[in-house]
Each structure stands twice: as C-alpha cells, then as structure tokens.
Amino acid sequence: MYLRVSLTDRCNLRCVYCLPEAAAFAPTRATPAELTQLMTLIHATAGVHKIRLTGGEPTLCADLIDQVRAARALVPVVGLTTNGMLLEPLLPGLHDAGLNRLNISLDALDADSFRRFSRRDGLDRVVAAIRAAKRLGFAPLKVNAVAMQQTDFAALVRFATWEGIHLRFIELMAIGEARPFQAREYVAASTMRERLTAAGLILTERADADEPTSRVWAIDDHPLAECSVGFITTTSAPFCATCDRLRLSSQGRLFTCLMDNRGYDLLEDLRREDHPAVAATIRRAVGLKRPPTAFIRHERMASIGG
C-alpha cells in the first residue's frame, strides 16, 4: 500500500480550483506526535511501502523535517508534494532527513498567470526552489500542473526540457472549488497533446515508462531519464482498478479513496491508547477498499491531501 499523509489542511496559496479566498480551516488537528503514531500503525497493519507527505501545504509545518525522518524510518521511499513557496531553505534539511521523492506544483510560468491561478505572487520563489532541488540531486524531480483552458502547455513542456525535470499535467476534477466551473475549464489529456503538437513539440508515447497514475511520453529527443511529460487522466481514464492508495488526514481520519466522503476515525481510539482498535479499523478500511461508485467529493482537496 501507498500512504499519503496530510500534515495540515492550511495553505499559503488560494488556487482557484482548490481553496476560496476566505478559506476556513479545521479548528483542531492531530498533533505531530499523533500523526507519527498513526503513520506507524498504518504502516505496520497495511504493509505500506511508500509514504508521501502532503497538505494543504506541508512546508507550513514546523515539524516537517522530523516527519520526513519518521517516515523514512518506516519505508525506503518518502515523498513530499508542495507548492514550493517556502521550500528552498528547507531543502538541505529535508534531503538529510531522507526525503527522496519531490513533487512541486507549478501551474504557470509568467507572473500574471501564476497570480491568476494561485491568487498570490511567488513564481520566482517556486522556480528557485525547483532549481535548488535539482542542484541537490533530487531525482526524479517532478512538477505538477493542473490543466485548464488557459494553461500554457507548451511553455511548461519547454521549461521541463530546459530544466531537466519531469512534468505531470493533471486533468481537472469536479472537486471542491472546481465543481462549478470544471466542465467549462476541463482539458482532456488527448487535447493537451494536440495543443502541444500544434505548438511544434514532438512527444513519443512510452508505455514502458508509464507510472501507476500517469501515462508517460518522451519529449523530442531528450533522454527519458532526464525529463518527460506525464498525463494524469483522473477524469478521462480513471485508474481506480489499480489504486493502492490510503490517505491519512490531519484530523486523524483514514480514507481509502479520494472520493470517500466519510473516512474512518483513528484518532479517538489512539487517544484512548487502544492500538488494537486502531489496527482493527485500518484492517477493516483496507478490506472494504473499492473503486468509487460516483466521482463526487464534497470536501475541498486540501482537507484530504490530494
């Protein structure tokens, strides 16, 4: 199993598809120590082989490096998904703590578009973090972009080739803030490739390099190990049948699917120090894991960590 741990639901951006400008966040959360305990119990019970730390925005957490160290003590692969705004000064500590997978979100490469998508300034800081991570040797280094009608797909792919990074376009889902406009702004992966071809970019399908959640294409004649383009087809071709993901929220709830609107409370039993009951709930949740019957999530993406 693959566990994603949302360290917080807070974020320092207000991306139009994720959070409203006046976002309200949970008044209480599991403590860092409780999240570490739950992460350890899920690992032991469900056989987790990979852990990814997410948010909200995980770099807002003062204990992030400690959480990376704790996760790396459990599994060989520990990842982080971040918007990159506060990342650069943390990179050496994260690297030393054992972080070995890094995904940075970047929806635009010009300041006006960045501000339009995220409702904040900070493009230069994100690009600086990407370059600093590259210098430190994070590989594969991935950049995630949520695809919308105004996305400059060609600019992002050219950036990937210049910087030697792996770009992943994510199809827009009808979740949270995106629900009212998803149908209008949605761009299918096939349409993205058509637009890239029209811009003079040559992509070659590499099914042998496909990942569990993305279809991978090589860029022109660049080596695939250095850079690639992936399409995460969450809407046009969901990959639910092969999903092995579990999600632990910052409120101590376990979700077996992004579309799970209920989850399983682990925190109450943990606070009673009833670890067998926590383990029993984890086993029950994993045993009942199924593809969703409807692709509807009522809560915002930030509350579950994507």
C-alpha atoms as a PDB file:
ATOM      1  CA  MET A   1       0.000   0.000   0.000  1.00  0.00           C
ATOM      2  CA  TYR A   2       0.969   3.621  -0.586  1.00  0.00           C
ATOM      3  CA  LEU A   3       0.145   6.101   2.192  1.00  0.00           C
ATOM      4  CA  ARG A   4      -0.368   9.835   1.731  1.00  0.00           C
ATOM      5  CA  VAL A   5      -0.275  11.815   4.972  1.00  0.00           C
ATOM      6  CA  SER A   6      -1.818  15.294   5.051  1.00  0.00           C
ATOM      7  CA  LEU A   7       0.155  17.144   7.721  1.00  0.00           C
ATOM      8  CA  THR A   8      -2.169  20.165   7.635  1.00  0.00           C
ATOM      9  CA  ASP A   9      -5.182  21.464   5.738  1.00  0.00           C
ATOM     10  CA  ARG A  10      -3.770  25.018   5.802  1.00  0.00           C
ATOM     11  CA  CYS A  11      -2.219  26.578   2.711  1.00  0.00           C
ATOM     12  CA  ASN A  12      -0.487  29.849   1.840  1.00  0.00           C
ATOM     13  CA  LEU A  13      -1.982  29.925  -1.675  1.00  0.00           C
ATOM     14  CA  ARG A  14      -5.605  30.177  -2.784  1.00  0.00           C
ATOM     15  CA  CYS A  15      -5.532  28.279  -6.067  1.00  0.00           C
ATOM     16  CA  VAL A  16      -8.814  28.782  -7.877  1.00  0.00           C
ATOM     17  CA  TYR A  17      -9.506  25.034  -8.182  1.00  0.00           C
ATOM     18  CA  CYS A  18      -8.690  24.293  -4.539  1.00  0.00           C
ATOM     19  CA  LEU A  19      -9.473  26.995  -1.962  1.00  0.00           C
ATOM     20  CA  PRO A  20     -11.647  30.107  -1.754  1.00  0.00           C
ATOM     21  CA  GLU A  21     -10.019  33.414  -0.876  1.00  0.00           C
ATOM     22  CA  ALA A  22     -11.666  33.389   2.566  1.00  0.00           C
ATOM     23  CA  ALA A  23     -10.909  29.730   3.303  1.00  0.00           C
ATOM     24  CA  ALA A  24     -11.727  28.393   6.770  1.00  0.00           C
ATOM     25  CA  PHE A  25      -9.540  25.613   8.109  1.00  0.00           C
ATOM     26  CA  ALA A  26     -10.082  22.951  10.739  1.00  0.00           C
ATOM     27  CA  PRO A  27     -10.001  24.398  14.286  1.00  0.00           C
ATOM     28  CA  THR A  28      -8.169  21.351  15.626  1.00  0.00           C
ATOM     29  CA  ARG A  29      -5.796  18.767  14.170  1.00  0.00           C
ATOM     30  CA  ALA A  30      -3.948  15.704  15.289  1.00  0.00           C
ATOM     31  CA  THR A  31      -0.656  16.622  16.901  1.00  0.00           C
ATOM     32  CA  PRO A  32       2.586  15.841  15.072  1.00  0.00           C
ATOM     33  CA  ALA A  33       3.251  13.024  17.536  1.00  0.00           C
ATOM     34  CA  GLU A  34      -0.224  11.571  16.922  1.00  0.00           C
ATOM     35  CA  LEU A  35       0.236  11.691  13.153  1.00  0.00           C
ATOM     36  CA  THR A  36       3.551   9.893  13.531  1.00  0.00           C
ATOM     37  CA  GLN A  37       1.908   7.228  15.691  1.00  0.00           C
ATOM     38  CA  LEU A  38      -0.906   6.754  13.176  1.00  0.00           C
ATOM     39  CA  MET A  39       1.544   6.617  10.289  1.00  0.00           C
ATOM     40  CA  THR A  40       3.460   3.905  12.147  1.00  0.00           C
ATOM     41  CA  LEU A  41       0.318   1.889  12.903  1.00  0.00           C
ATOM     42  CA  ILE A  42      -0.926   2.107   9.304  1.00  0.00           C
ATOM     43  CA  HIS A  43       2.487   1.011   8.062  1.00  0.00           C
ATOM     44  CA  ALA A  44       2.526  -1.987  10.383  1.00  0.00           C
ATOM     45  CA  THR A  45      -1.068  -3.012   9.703  1.00  0.00           C
ATOM     46  CA  ALA A  46      -1.448  -2.361   5.970  1.00  0.00           C
ATOM     47  CA  GLY A  47       2.042  -3.134   4.724  1.00  0.00           C
ATOM     48  CA  VAL A  48       2.826   0.358   3.453  1.00  0.00           C
ATOM     49  CA  HIS A  49       5.862   0.554   1.150  1.00  0.00           C
ATOM     50  CA  LYS A  50       5.821   4.274   0.323  1.00  0.00           C
ATOM     51  CA  ILE A  51       4.779   7.424   2.203  1.00  0.00           C
ATOM     52  CA  ARG A  52       4.095  10.858   0.737  1.00  0.00           C
ATOM     53  CA  LEU A  53       3.665  13.931   2.943  1.00  0.00           C
ATOM     54  CA  THR A  54       1.134  16.461   1.669  1.00  0.00           C
ATOM     55  CA  GLY A  55      -1.143  19.246   2.861  1.00  0.00           C
ATOM     56  CA  GLY A  56      -2.683  21.727   2.459  1.00  0.00           C
ATOM     57  CA  GLU A  57       0.866  22.962   2.276  1.00  0.00           C
ATOM     58  CA  PRO A  58       3.268  20.792   4.327  1.00  0.00           C
ATOM     59  CA  THR A  59       6.066  23.380   4.452  1.00  0.00           C
ATOM     60  CA  LEU A  60       3.863  25.408   6.821  1.00  0.00           C
ATOM     61  CA  CYS A  61       4.500  22.704   9.446  1.00  0.00           C
ATOM     62  CA  ALA A  62       7.410  23.409  11.771  1.00  0.00           C
ATOM     63  CA  ASP A  63       7.934  19.671  12.296  1.00  0.00           C
ATOM     64  CA  LEU A  64       8.146  18.767   8.587  1.00  0.00           C
ATOM     65  CA  ILE A  65      11.762  17.585   8.701  1.00  0.00           C
ATOM     66  CA  ASP A  66      11.014  15.434  11.764  1.00  0.00           C
ATOM     67  CA  GLN A  67       8.037  13.911   9.956  1.00  0.00           C
ATOM     68  CA  VAL A  68      10.228  13.075   6.965  1.00  0.00           C
ATOM     69  CA  ARG A  69      12.740  11.421   9.273  1.00  0.00           C
ATOM     70  CA  ALA A  70       9.985   9.413  10.979  1.00  0.00           C
ATOM     71  CA  ALA A  71       8.535   8.283   7.654  1.00  0.00           C
ATOM     72  CA  ARG A  72      11.947   7.303   6.305  1.00  0.00           C
ATOM     73  CA  ALA A  73      12.485   5.109   9.378  1.00  0.00           C
ATOM     74  CA  LEU A  74       9.451   3.115   8.197  1.00  0.00           C
ATOM     75  CA  VAL A  75       9.787   2.924   4.407  1.00  0.00           C
ATOM     76  CA  PRO A  76      12.517   3.318   1.775  1.00  0.00           C
ATOM     77  CA  VAL A  77      10.572   5.828  -0.340  1.00  0.00           C
ATOM     78  CA  VAL A  78       9.382   9.103   1.203  1.00  0.00           C
ATOM     79  CA  GLY A  79       7.918  11.848  -0.970  1.00  0.00           C
ATOM     80  CA  LEU A  80       6.717  15.401  -0.497  1.00  0.00           C
ATOM     81  CA  THR A  81       4.162  17.376  -2.509  1.00  0.00           C
ATOM     82  CA  THR A  82       4.486  21.141  -2.062  1.00  0.00           C
ATOM     83  CA  ASN A  83       3.661  24.406  -3.785  1.00  0.00           C
ATOM     84  CA  GLY A  84       7.319  25.366  -3.388  1.00  0.00           C
ATOM     85  CA  MET A  85       6.743  28.841  -1.947  1.00  0.00           C
ATOM     86  CA  LEU A  86       8.662  28.149   1.281  1.00  0.00           C
ATOM     87  CA  LEU A  87      10.659  25.166   0.094  1.00  0.00           C
ATOM     88  CA  GLU A  88      14.123  26.379  -0.900  1.00  0.00           C
ATOM     89  CA  PRO A  89      15.630  26.989   2.590  1.00  0.00           C
ATOM     90  CA  LEU A  90      14.197  23.665   3.820  1.00  0.00           C
ATOM     91  CA  LEU A  91      15.719  21.540   1.057  1.00  0.00           C
ATOM     92  CA  PRO A  92      19.083  20.684   2.679  1.00  0.00           C
ATOM     93  CA  GLY A  93      17.380  19.562   5.898  1.00  0.00           C
ATOM     94  CA  LEU A  94      14.773  17.557   4.017  1.00  0.00           C
ATOM     95  CA  HIS A  95      17.464  15.892   1.927  1.00  0.00           C
ATOM     96  CA  ASP A  96      19.493  14.996   5.020  1.00  0.00           C
ATOM     97  CA  ALA A  97      16.361  13.625   6.740  1.00  0.00           C
ATOM     98  CA  GLY A  98      15.896  11.126   3.910  1.00  0.00           C
ATOM     99  CA  LEU A  99      13.401  12.730   1.531  1.00  0.00           C
ATOM    100  CA  ASN A 100      13.945  11.055  -1.838  1.00  0.00           C
ATOM    101  CA  ARG A 101      10.889  11.994  -3.906  1.00  0.00           C
ATOM    102  CA  LEU A 102       9.768  15.568  -4.542  1.00  0.00           C
ATOM    103  CA  ASN A 103       6.768  16.962  -6.433  1.00  0.00           C
ATOM    104  CA  ILE A 104       6.404  20.733  -6.810  1.00  0.00           C
ATOM    105  CA  SER A 105       3.197  22.327  -8.074  1.00  0.00           C
ATOM    106  CA  LEU A 106       3.504  24.953 -10.814  1.00  0.00           C
ATOM    107  CA  ASP A 107       0.544  25.942 -12.979  1.00  0.00           C
ATOM    108  CA  ALA A 108       2.092  28.837 -14.919  1.00  0.00           C
ATOM    109  CA  LEU A 109       5.430  30.354 -15.915  1.00  0.00           C
ATOM    110  CA  ASP A 110       4.534  34.039 -16.191  1.00  0.00           C
ATOM    111  CA  ALA A 111       3.784  36.175 -13.161  1.00  0.00           C
ATOM    112  CA  ASP A 112       0.322  37.293 -14.269  1.00  0.00           C
ATOM    113  CA  SER A 113      -0.916  33.748 -14.965  1.00  0.00           C
ATOM    114  CA  PHE A 114       0.663  32.459 -11.762  1.00  0.00           C
ATOM    115  CA  ARG A 115      -1.198  35.135  -9.816  1.00  0.00           C
ATOM    116  CA  ARG A 116      -4.440  34.414 -11.672  1.00  0.00           C
ATOM    117  CA  PHE A 117      -4.314  30.700 -10.856  1.00  0.00           C
ATOM    118  CA  SER A 118      -2.982  30.927  -7.276  1.00  0.00           C
ATOM    119  CA  ARG A 119      -4.296  34.374  -6.236  1.00  0.00           C
ATOM    120  CA  ARG A 120      -0.835  35.105  -4.827  1.00  0.00           C
ATOM    121  CA  ASP A 121       2.585  36.216  -6.067  1.00  0.00           C
ATOM    122  CA  GLY A 122       5.578  33.943  -5.756  1.00  0.00           C
ATOM    123  CA  LEU A 123       6.523  32.493  -9.141  1.00  0.00           C
ATOM    124  CA  ASP A 124      10.198  33.377  -8.667  1.00  0.00           C
ATOM    125  CA  ARG A 125      10.326  31.525  -5.344  1.00  0.00           C
ATOM    126  CA  VAL A 126       8.827  28.376  -6.847  1.00  0.00           C
ATOM    127  CA  VAL A 127      11.224  28.362  -9.812  1.00  0.00           C
ATOM    128  CA  ALA A 128      14.163  28.995  -7.459  1.00  0.00           C
ATOM    129  CA  ALA A 129      13.075  26.018  -5.337  1.00  0.00           C
ATOM    130  CA  ILE A 130      12.880  23.775  -8.405  1.00  0.00           C
ATOM    131  CA  ARG A 131      16.404  24.730  -9.431  1.00  0.00           C
ATOM    132  CA  ALA A 132      17.745  24.320  -5.891  1.00  0.00           C
ATOM    133  CA  ALA A 133      16.186  20.850  -5.655  1.00  0.00           C
ATOM    134  CA  LYS A 134      17.796  19.931  -8.962  1.00  0.00           C
ATOM    135  CA  ARG A 135      21.209  21.067  -7.695  1.00  0.00           C
ATOM    136  CA  LEU A 136      20.793  18.980  -4.542  1.00  0.00           C
ATOM    137  CA  GLY A 137      20.233  15.886  -6.650  1.00  0.00           C
ATOM    138  CA  PHE A 138      16.535  15.194  -6.117  1.00  0.00           C
ATOM    139  CA  ALA A 139      15.644  12.745  -8.872  1.00  0.00           C
ATOM    140  CA  PRO A 140      13.240  12.174 -10.375  1.00  0.00           C
ATOM    141  CA  LEU A 141      12.168  15.765  -9.789  1.00  0.00           C
ATOM    142  CA  LYS A 142       8.527  16.226 -10.776  1.00  0.00           C
ATOM    143  CA  VAL A 143       6.497  19.349 -11.413  1.00  0.00           C
ATOM    144  CA  ASN A 144       2.696  19.077 -11.311  1.00  0.00           C
ATOM    145  CA  ALA A 145       0.354  21.377 -13.254  1.00  0.00           C
ATOM    146  CA  VAL A 146      -3.431  21.288 -13.050  1.00  0.00           C
ATOM    147  CA  ALA A 147      -4.663  21.614 -16.633  1.00  0.00           C
ATOM    148  CA  MET A 148      -7.208  24.287 -17.505  1.00  0.00           C
ATOM    149  CA  GLN A 149      -8.217  26.084 -20.690  1.00  0.00           C
ATOM    150  CA  GLN A 150      -5.771  28.954 -20.150  1.00  0.00           C
ATOM    151  CA  THR A 151      -2.824  26.721 -19.229  1.00  0.00           C
ATOM    152  CA  ASP A 152       0.204  27.368 -21.425  1.00  0.00           C
ATOM    153  CA  PHE A 153       1.010  23.714 -22.057  1.00  0.00           C
ATOM    154  CA  ALA A 154       3.861  24.406 -24.483  1.00  0.00           C
ATOM    155  CA  ALA A 155       5.634  26.815 -22.111  1.00  0.00           C
ATOM    156  CA  LEU A 156       5.542  24.273 -19.294  1.00  0.00           C
ATOM    157  CA  VAL A 157       6.902  21.483 -21.513  1.00  0.00           C
ATOM    158  CA  ARG A 158       9.708  23.713 -22.777  1.00  0.00           C
ATOM    159  CA  PHE A 159      10.505  24.578 -19.163  1.00  0.00           C
ATOM    160  CA  ALA A 160      10.735  20.854 -18.398  1.00  0.00           C
ATOM    161  CA  THR A 161      13.256  20.365 -21.191  1.00  0.00           C
ATOM    162  CA  TRP A 162      15.332  23.386 -20.171  1.00  0.00           C
ATOM    163  CA  GLU A 163      15.438  22.393 -16.505  1.00  0.00           C
ATOM    164  CA  GLY A 164      15.628  18.619 -16.925  1.00  0.00           C
ATOM    165  CA  ILE A 165      12.554  17.778 -14.887  1.00  0.00           C
ATOM    166  CA  HIS A 166       9.526  15.514 -15.207  1.00  0.00           C
ATOM    167  CA  LEU A 167       6.286  17.393 -15.878  1.00  0.00           C
ATOM    168  CA  ARG A 168       2.889  15.953 -14.975  1.00  0.00           C
ATOM    169  CA  PHE A 169      -0.366  17.500 -16.230  1.00  0.00           C
ATOM    170  CA  ILE A 170      -3.355  16.676 -14.017  1.00  0.00           C
ATOM    171  CA  GLU A 171      -6.824  16.656 -15.530  1.00  0.00           C
ATOM    172  CA  LEU A 172      -9.164  18.979 -13.643  1.00  0.00           C
ATOM    173  CA  MET A 173     -11.611  17.138 -11.403  1.00  0.00           C
ATOM    174  CA  ALA A 174     -15.033  18.303 -10.222  1.00  0.00           C
ATOM    175  CA  ILE A 175     -13.952  18.546  -6.590  1.00  0.00           C
ATOM    176  CA  GLY A 176     -14.463  21.359  -4.094  1.00  0.00           C
ATOM    177  CA  GLU A 177     -13.905  24.821  -5.552  1.00  0.00           C
ATOM    178  CA  ALA A 178     -13.548  23.432  -9.083  1.00  0.00           C
ATOM    179  CA  ARG A 179     -17.010  21.876  -9.203  1.00  0.00           C
ATOM    180  CA  PRO A 180     -18.880  24.958 -10.532  1.00  0.00           C
ATOM    181  CA  PHE A 181     -16.501  25.502 -13.467  1.00  0.00           C
ATOM    182  CA  GLN A 182     -14.917  22.093 -14.096  1.00  0.00           C
ATOM    183  CA  ALA A 183     -16.981  21.360 -17.209  1.00  0.00           C
ATOM    184  CA  ARG A 184     -16.008  24.706 -18.735  1.00  0.00           C
ATOM    185  CA  GLU A 185     -12.301  24.562 -17.850  1.00  0.00           C
ATOM    186  CA  TYR A 186     -11.640  20.844 -18.308  1.00  0.00           C
ATOM    187  CA  VAL A 187      -8.990  19.809 -20.856  1.00  0.00           C
ATOM    188  CA  ALA A 188      -8.591  16.100 -21.645  1.00  0.00           C
ATOM    189  CA  ALA A 189      -5.112  14.613 -21.947  1.00  0.00           C
ATOM    190  CA  SER A 190      -5.698  13.905 -25.637  1.00  0.00           C
ATOM    191  CA  THR A 191      -6.499  17.582 -26.222  1.00  0.00           C
ATOM    192  CA  MET A 192      -3.390  18.654 -24.323  1.00  0.00           C
ATOM    193  CA  ARG A 193      -1.252  16.528 -26.645  1.00  0.00           C
ATOM    194  CA  GLU A 194      -2.984  18.028 -29.681  1.00  0.00           C
ATOM    195  CA  ARG A 195      -2.159  21.520 -28.444  1.00  0.00           C
ATOM    196  CA  LEU A 196       1.473  20.542 -27.829  1.00  0.00           C
ATOM    197  CA  THR A 197       1.764  19.091 -31.315  1.00  0.00           C
ATOM    198  CA  ALA A 198       0.286  22.282 -32.773  1.00  0.00           C
ATOM    199  CA  ALA A 199       2.978  24.232 -30.872  1.00  0.00           C
ATOM    200  CA  GLY A 200       5.684  22.204 -32.633  1.00  0.00           C
ATOM    201  CA  LEU A 201       6.570  19.893 -29.744  1.00  0.00           C
ATOM    202  CA  ILE A 202       7.140  16.240 -30.543  1.00  0.00           C
ATOM    203  CA  LEU A 203       6.058  13.713 -27.928  1.00  0.00           C
ATOM    204  CA  THR A 204       6.581   9.970 -28.175  1.00  0.00           C
ATOM    205  CA  GLU A 205       4.412   7.619 -26.179  1.00  0.00           C
ATOM    206  CA  ARG A 206       6.412   5.443 -23.788  1.00  0.00           C
ATOM    207  CA  ALA A 207       4.023   2.863 -22.361  1.00  0.00           C
ATOM    208  CA  ASP A 208       7.035   1.021 -20.922  1.00  0.00           C
ATOM    209  CA  ALA A 209       7.619   4.026 -18.646  1.00  0.00           C
ATOM    210  CA  ASP A 210       4.004   4.518 -17.525  1.00  0.00           C
ATOM    211  CA  GLU A 211       3.525   5.122 -13.812  1.00  0.00           C
ATOM    212  CA  PRO A 212       0.649   3.904 -11.639  1.00  0.00           C
ATOM    213  CA  THR A 213      -1.216   7.186 -12.068  1.00  0.00           C
ATOM    214  CA  SER A 214       0.185   8.732 -15.243  1.00  0.00           C
ATOM    215  CA  ARG A 215       0.781   7.937 -18.883  1.00  0.00           C
ATOM    216  CA  VAL A 216       4.333   8.949 -19.787  1.00  0.00           C
ATOM    217  CA  TRP A 217       5.606  10.497 -23.036  1.00  0.00           C
ATOM    218  CA  ALA A 218       9.169  11.341 -24.058  1.00  0.00           C
ATOM    219  CA  ILE A 219       9.921  14.907 -25.197  1.00  0.00           C
ATOM    220  CA  ASP A 220      11.554  15.321 -28.616  1.00  0.00           C
ATOM    221  CA  ASP A 221      14.938  13.592 -28.419  1.00  0.00           C
ATOM    222  CA  HIS A 222      15.600  14.263 -24.731  1.00  0.00           C
ATOM    223  CA  PRO A 223      16.590  11.243 -22.624  1.00  0.00           C
ATOM    224  CA  LEU A 224      13.575   9.895 -20.742  1.00  0.00           C
ATOM    225  CA  ALA A 225      15.593   9.586 -17.551  1.00  0.00           C
ATOM    226  CA  GLU A 226      16.138  13.345 -17.527  1.00  0.00           C
ATOM    227  CA  CYS A 227      12.724  14.705 -18.473  1.00  0.00           C
ATOM    228  CA  SER A 228       9.311  13.544 -19.606  1.00  0.00           C
ATOM    229  CA  VAL A 229       5.682  14.591 -19.836  1.00  0.00           C
ATOM    230  CA  GLY A 230       3.027  12.644 -17.989  1.00  0.00           C
ATOM    231  CA  PHE A 231      -0.746  12.925 -18.154  1.00  0.00           C
ATOM    232  CA  ILE A 232      -2.698  12.064 -15.020  1.00  0.00           C
ATOM    233  CA  THR A 233      -6.051  11.083 -16.506  1.00  0.00           C
ATOM    234  CA  THR A 234      -8.154  11.381 -13.373  1.00  0.00           C
ATOM    235  CA  THR A 235     -11.266  12.228 -15.420  1.00  0.00           C
ATOM    236  CA  SER A 236     -10.903  10.774 -18.926  1.00  0.00           C
ATOM    237  CA  ALA A 237      -9.423   7.409 -17.900  1.00  0.00           C
ATOM    238  CA  PRO A 238      -9.511   6.853 -14.122  1.00  0.00           C
ATOM    239  CA  PHE A 239      -7.045   4.326 -12.720  1.00  0.00           C
ATOM    240  CA  CYS A 240      -9.207   3.206  -9.783  1.00  0.00           C
ATOM    241  CA  ALA A 241      -8.873  -0.518 -10.508  1.00  0.00           C
ATOM    242  CA  THR A 242      -5.146  -0.444  -9.754  1.00  0.00           C
ATOM    243  CA  CYS A 243      -5.200   2.102  -6.925  1.00  0.00           C
ATOM    244  CA  ASP A 244      -3.377   1.065  -3.743  1.00  0.00           C
ATOM    245  CA  ARG A 245      -3.505   4.461  -2.024  1.00  0.00           C
ATOM    246  CA  LEU A 246      -4.543   5.236   1.514  1.00  0.00           C
ATOM    247  CA  ARG A 247      -4.871   8.789   2.814  1.00  0.00           C
ATOM    248  CA  LEU A 248      -4.458   9.967   6.403  1.00  0.00           C
ATOM    249  CA  SER A 249      -5.880  13.427   7.052  1.00  0.00           C
ATOM    250  CA  SER A 250      -4.518  15.964   9.522  1.00  0.00           C
ATOM    251  CA  GLN A 251      -7.627  15.267  11.628  1.00  0.00           C
ATOM    252  CA  GLY A 252      -6.602  11.628  12.016  1.00  0.00           C
ATOM    253  CA  ARG A 253      -9.117  10.131   9.587  1.00  0.00           C
ATOM    254  CA  LEU A 254      -8.178   7.358   7.173  1.00  0.00           C
ATOM    255  CA  PHE A 255      -9.575   7.490   3.634  1.00  0.00           C
ATOM    256  CA  THR A 256      -9.307   4.642   1.146  1.00  0.00           C
ATOM    257  CA  CYS A 257     -10.344   6.739  -1.852  1.00  0.00           C
ATOM    258  CA  LEU A 258     -10.196  10.368  -2.912  1.00  0.00           C
ATOM    259  CA  MET A 259     -13.973  10.160  -3.343  1.00  0.00           C
ATOM    260  CA  ASP A 260     -14.508   8.759   0.146  1.00  0.00           C
ATOM    261  CA  ASN A 261     -16.535  11.474   1.876  1.00  0.00           C
ATOM    262  CA  ARG A 262     -16.668   9.754   5.267  1.00  0.00           C
ATOM    263  CA  GLY A 263     -13.367   8.141   6.160  1.00  0.00           C
ATOM    264  CA  TYR A 264     -12.524   6.200   9.297  1.00  0.00           C
ATOM    265  CA  ASP A 265     -11.717   7.956  12.565  1.00  0.00           C
ATOM    266  CA  LEU A 266      -8.451   6.644  14.026  1.00  0.00           C
ATOM    267  CA  LEU A 267      -7.754   9.443  16.447  1.00  0.00           C
ATOM    268  CA  GLU A 268     -10.332   8.659  19.107  1.00  0.00           C
ATOM    269  CA  ASP A 269      -9.006   5.142  19.720  1.00  0.00           C
ATOM    270  CA  LEU A 270      -5.405   6.372  19.523  1.00  0.00           C
ATOM    271  CA  ARG A 271      -6.075   8.926  22.254  1.00  0.00           C
ATOM    272  CA  ARG A 272      -7.502   6.121  24.386  1.00  0.00           C
ATOM    273  CA  GLU A 273      -4.230   4.263  23.692  1.00  0.00           C
ATOM    274  CA  ASP A 274      -6.267   1.433  22.205  1.00  0.00           C
ATOM    275  CA  HIS A 275      -3.826   0.491  19.469  1.00  0.00           C
ATOM    276  CA  PRO A 276      -5.506  -2.858  18.702  1.00  0.00           C
ATOM    277  CA  ALA A 277      -8.741  -0.970  17.949  1.00  0.00           C
ATOM    278  CA  VAL A 278      -6.848   1.399  15.638  1.00  0.00           C
ATOM    279  CA  ALA A 279      -5.309  -1.572  13.834  1.00  0.00           C
ATOM    280  CA  ALA A 280      -8.721  -3.255  13.534  1.00  0.00           C
ATOM    281  CA  THR A 281     -10.184  -0.118  11.932  1.00  0.00           C
ATOM    282  CA  ILE A 282      -7.276   0.059   9.484  1.00  0.00           C
ATOM    283  CA  ARG A 283      -7.748  -3.593   8.509  1.00  0.00           C
ATOM    284  CA  ARG A 284     -11.496  -3.073   8.040  1.00  0.00           C
ATOM    285  CA  ALA A 285     -10.909   0.023   5.885  1.00  0.00           C
ATOM    286  CA  VAL A 286      -8.370  -1.721   3.669  1.00  0.00           C
ATOM    287  CA  GLY A 287     -10.609  -4.778   3.346  1.00  0.00           C
ATOM    288  CA  LEU A 288     -13.507  -2.610   2.167  1.00  0.00           C
ATOM    289  CA  LYS A 289     -11.457  -0.548  -0.292  1.00  0.00           C
ATOM    290  CA  ARG A 290     -13.324  -0.420  -3.612  1.00  0.00           C
ATOM    291  CA  PRO A 291     -13.425   1.854  -6.686  1.00  0.00           C
ATOM    292  CA  PRO A 292     -15.907   4.706  -6.156  1.00  0.00           C
ATOM    293  CA  THR A 293     -19.470   4.389  -7.413  1.00  0.00           C
ATOM    294  CA  ALA A 294     -19.581   8.146  -8.109  1.00  0.00           C
ATOM    295  CA  PHE A 295     -16.813  10.673  -8.707  1.00  0.00           C
ATOM    296  CA  ILE A 296     -18.068  13.214  -6.197  1.00  0.00           C
ATOM    297  CA  ARG A 297     -16.139  14.687  -3.301  1.00  0.00           C
ATOM    298  CA  HIS A 298     -17.910  17.237  -1.136  1.00  0.00           C
ATOM    299  CA  GLU A 299     -14.927  18.469   0.869  1.00  0.00           C
ATOM    300  CA  ARG A 300     -12.083  20.540  -0.542  1.00  0.00           C
ATOM    301  CA  MET A 301      -8.996  18.794  -1.833  1.00  0.00           C
ATOM    302  CA  ALA A 302      -6.852  20.491   0.839  1.00  0.00           C
ATOM    303  CA  SER A 303      -8.677  18.592   3.567  1.00  0.00           C
ATOM    304  CA  ILE A 304      -7.504  15.196   2.301  1.00  0.00           C
ATOM    305  CA  GLY A 305      -4.186  15.997   0.641  1.00  0.00           C
ATOM    306  CA  GLY A 306      -4.943  15.070  -2.964  1.00  0.00           C
END
